[in-house]
Protein backbone atom coordinates (compact mmCIF):
# COMPACT_ATOMS: atom_id res chain seq x y z
CA MET A 1 17.37 3.99 -0.68
CA ILE A 2 14.51 3.38 -3.12
CA ARG A 3 14.89 0.80 -5.85
CA LYS A 4 12.83 -1.56 -8.00
CA TYR A 5 12.07 -4.82 -6.24
CA ASP A 6 13.28 -8.22 -7.34
CA GLU A 7 10.69 -10.98 -7.67
CA LYS A 8 12.68 -13.19 -5.28
CA GLU A 9 11.89 -10.58 -2.59
CA ILE A 10 8.14 -11.29 -2.65
CA PRO A 11 8.28 -13.28 0.65
CA VAL A 12 9.90 -10.27 2.39
CA LEU A 13 7.24 -7.93 0.99
CA ILE A 14 4.45 -10.28 2.06
CA LYS A 15 5.79 -10.28 5.65
CA ILE A 16 5.81 -6.47 5.69
CA TRP A 17 2.31 -6.45 4.19
CA GLU A 18 1.01 -8.91 6.81
CA GLN A 19 2.33 -6.87 9.74
CA ALA A 20 1.27 -3.48 8.38
CA SER A 21 -2.08 -4.72 7.08
CA THR A 22 -2.99 -6.37 10.38
CA LEU A 23 -2.41 -3.04 12.11
CA ALA A 24 -4.28 -0.96 9.49
CA HIS A 25 -7.13 -3.38 8.77
CA PRO A 26 -8.25 -5.02 12.04
CA PHE A 27 -11.82 -4.93 10.69
CA LEU A 28 -11.08 -7.44 7.88
CA ASP A 29 -11.79 -11.12 8.48
CA SER A 30 -9.08 -13.77 8.18
CA ALA A 31 -10.63 -15.48 5.13
CA PHE A 32 -10.51 -12.25 3.12
CA THR A 33 -6.97 -11.51 4.31
CA LEU A 34 -5.80 -14.98 3.25
CA MET A 35 -7.38 -14.49 -0.18
CA VAL A 36 -5.55 -11.15 -0.58
CA LYS A 37 -2.25 -12.69 0.55
CA ARG A 38 -2.53 -15.38 -2.11
CA ALA A 39 -3.46 -12.84 -4.80
CA MET A 40 -0.57 -10.57 -3.83
CA THR A 41 1.92 -13.42 -3.94
CA GLU A 42 0.75 -15.05 -7.15
CA THR A 43 -0.68 -12.21 -9.22
CA TYR A 44 -0.51 -8.72 -7.85
CA LEU A 45 3.17 -8.22 -6.95
CA PRO A 46 4.52 -10.06 -10.01
CA ASN A 47 2.37 -7.86 -12.29
CA SER A 48 2.71 -4.43 -10.69
CA ASN A 49 5.41 -1.77 -10.76
CA THR A 50 6.86 -2.22 -7.27
CA TRP A 51 9.56 -0.21 -5.54
CA VAL A 52 11.14 -0.94 -2.16
CA TYR A 53 12.58 1.31 0.51
CA GLU A 54 15.75 -0.05 2.10
CA GLU A 55 17.60 0.92 5.24
CA SER A 56 20.93 -0.79 5.96
CA ASP A 57 20.26 -3.38 3.22
CA THR A 58 16.90 -4.29 4.80
CA ILE A 59 13.59 -3.68 3.06
CA VAL A 60 11.31 -1.77 5.43
CA GLY A 61 8.56 -0.67 3.04
CA PHE A 62 7.24 -0.83 -0.49
CA ILE A 63 4.85 0.77 -2.94
CA SER A 64 3.15 -1.04 -5.81
CA MET A 65 1.75 0.86 -8.75
CA ILE A 66 -0.60 0.02 -11.60
CA GLU A 67 -0.15 2.96 -13.96
CA ASN A 68 -0.87 6.03 -11.77
CA GLU A 69 -2.74 4.11 -9.05
CA ILE A 70 -1.13 3.20 -5.76
CA GLY A 71 -2.24 -0.41 -5.47
CA GLY A 72 -0.43 -0.88 -2.20
CA LEU A 73 1.79 1.08 0.14
CA PHE A 74 3.04 -0.74 3.20
CA VAL A 75 5.75 0.10 5.72
CA HIS A 76 6.84 -2.23 8.51
CA PRO A 77 5.14 -1.00 11.73
CA ASN A 78 8.53 -0.51 13.45
CA HIS A 79 9.29 2.10 10.79
CA HIS A 80 5.98 4.03 10.79
CA SER A 81 6.05 7.82 11.16
CA LYS A 82 9.60 8.15 9.83
CA GLY A 83 8.71 9.61 6.42
CA ILE A 84 9.16 6.37 4.48
CA GLY A 85 5.62 6.26 3.07
CA THR A 86 5.82 9.95 2.14
CA THR A 87 9.18 9.35 0.42
CA LEU A 88 7.77 6.44 -1.58
CA VAL A 89 4.76 8.49 -2.71
CA SER A 90 7.03 11.41 -3.64
CA HIS A 91 9.16 9.03 -5.68
CA MET A 92 6.06 7.97 -7.65
CA ASN A 93 5.23 11.65 -8.28
CA LYS A 94 8.39 11.76 -10.42
CA PHE A 95 6.69 9.37 -12.85
CA HIS A 96 3.03 10.42 -12.52
CA LYS A 97 1.64 13.94 -12.36
CA GLU A 98 -1.51 12.67 -10.65
CA LEU A 99 -1.83 9.73 -8.28
CA GLU A 100 -4.92 7.81 -7.25
CA VAL A 101 -5.51 5.34 -4.44
CA GLU A 102 -8.32 3.38 -2.85
CA VAL A 103 -8.37 3.07 0.93
CA PHE A 104 -10.84 1.62 3.40
CA ASN A 105 -12.67 4.41 5.23
CA GLU A 106 -12.02 2.51 8.50
CA ASN A 107 -8.24 2.42 7.89
CA LYS A 108 -7.06 4.65 10.75
CA ILE A 109 -3.50 4.71 9.37
CA GLY A 110 -3.89 4.93 5.59
CA LYS A 111 -6.80 7.35 5.33
CA PRO A 112 -5.19 10.12 7.46
CA PHE A 113 -1.85 9.51 5.73
CA TYR A 114 -3.30 10.15 2.27
CA GLU A 115 -5.32 13.13 3.52
CA LYS A 116 -2.11 14.63 4.99
CA LEU A 117 -0.44 14.28 1.59
CA GLY A 118 -3.28 16.21 -0.06
CA PHE A 119 -5.31 13.39 -1.57
CA LYS A 120 -8.99 14.30 -1.98
CA ILE A 121 -11.96 11.94 -2.09
CA LEU A 122 -13.32 11.38 -5.59
CA LYS A 123 -15.98 8.85 -4.68
CA LYS A 124 -17.11 6.36 -2.06
CA TYR A 125 -18.48 2.88 -2.55
CA ILE A 126 -19.08 -0.34 -0.65
CA HIS A 127 -16.54 -3.10 -1.26
CA GLU A 128 -18.63 -6.20 -1.93
CA ASP A 129 -16.25 -8.81 -0.46
CA THR A 130 -15.91 -7.01 2.89
CA ASN A 131 -19.02 -4.81 3.09
CA GLN A 132 -16.65 -1.95 4.00
CA GLU A 133 -16.71 1.57 2.61
CA ILE A 134 -13.89 2.36 0.17
CA LEU A 135 -12.68 5.86 -0.62
CA ARG A 136 -11.20 6.53 -4.05
CA MET A 137 -8.78 9.44 -3.63
CA LYS A 138 -6.70 11.54 -6.00
CA LYS A 139 -3.77 13.93 -5.68
C-alpha cells in the first residue's frame, strides 16, 4: 500500500535511507553522509512531499518529491528487486506528467534503475561536496 507519510515516521525512513544509501553510495565519505542524514531529518523530509510503501503494516520504502523532482527514492535492501521502487515512481506519474531526478553516476543501483524506467540524461555535472559526477535525468 502507498500512502502519505506521517512526520513521526521520520526515524523509520532514516533507517531505510541509511541501509539503502550505504549499499548504493559506498563511494561517499562518512562526514558527507552524516551531513545528509541531519539535513534529511531536520529539513528535507519535513518539507518534501513524501509517500511510503507499506507491506504488512511495515514501511519498506519511500519516495520524496519536490514538485516534479524525485528528491529521494529508497527501498530497504531486503526488499530490492520486488517492484517497490517502480511502483512508487508510477504513483508519482499520476501527479506529474514528467519526472526528473539527480543520481550519482557511480550509483550502481539507482542509475540502472532510472535508465530501465526510461529516464534520459539531460546533463552531467560535478557535485562540489563529493567531487562525484551527478546525472540529471528526465522521463
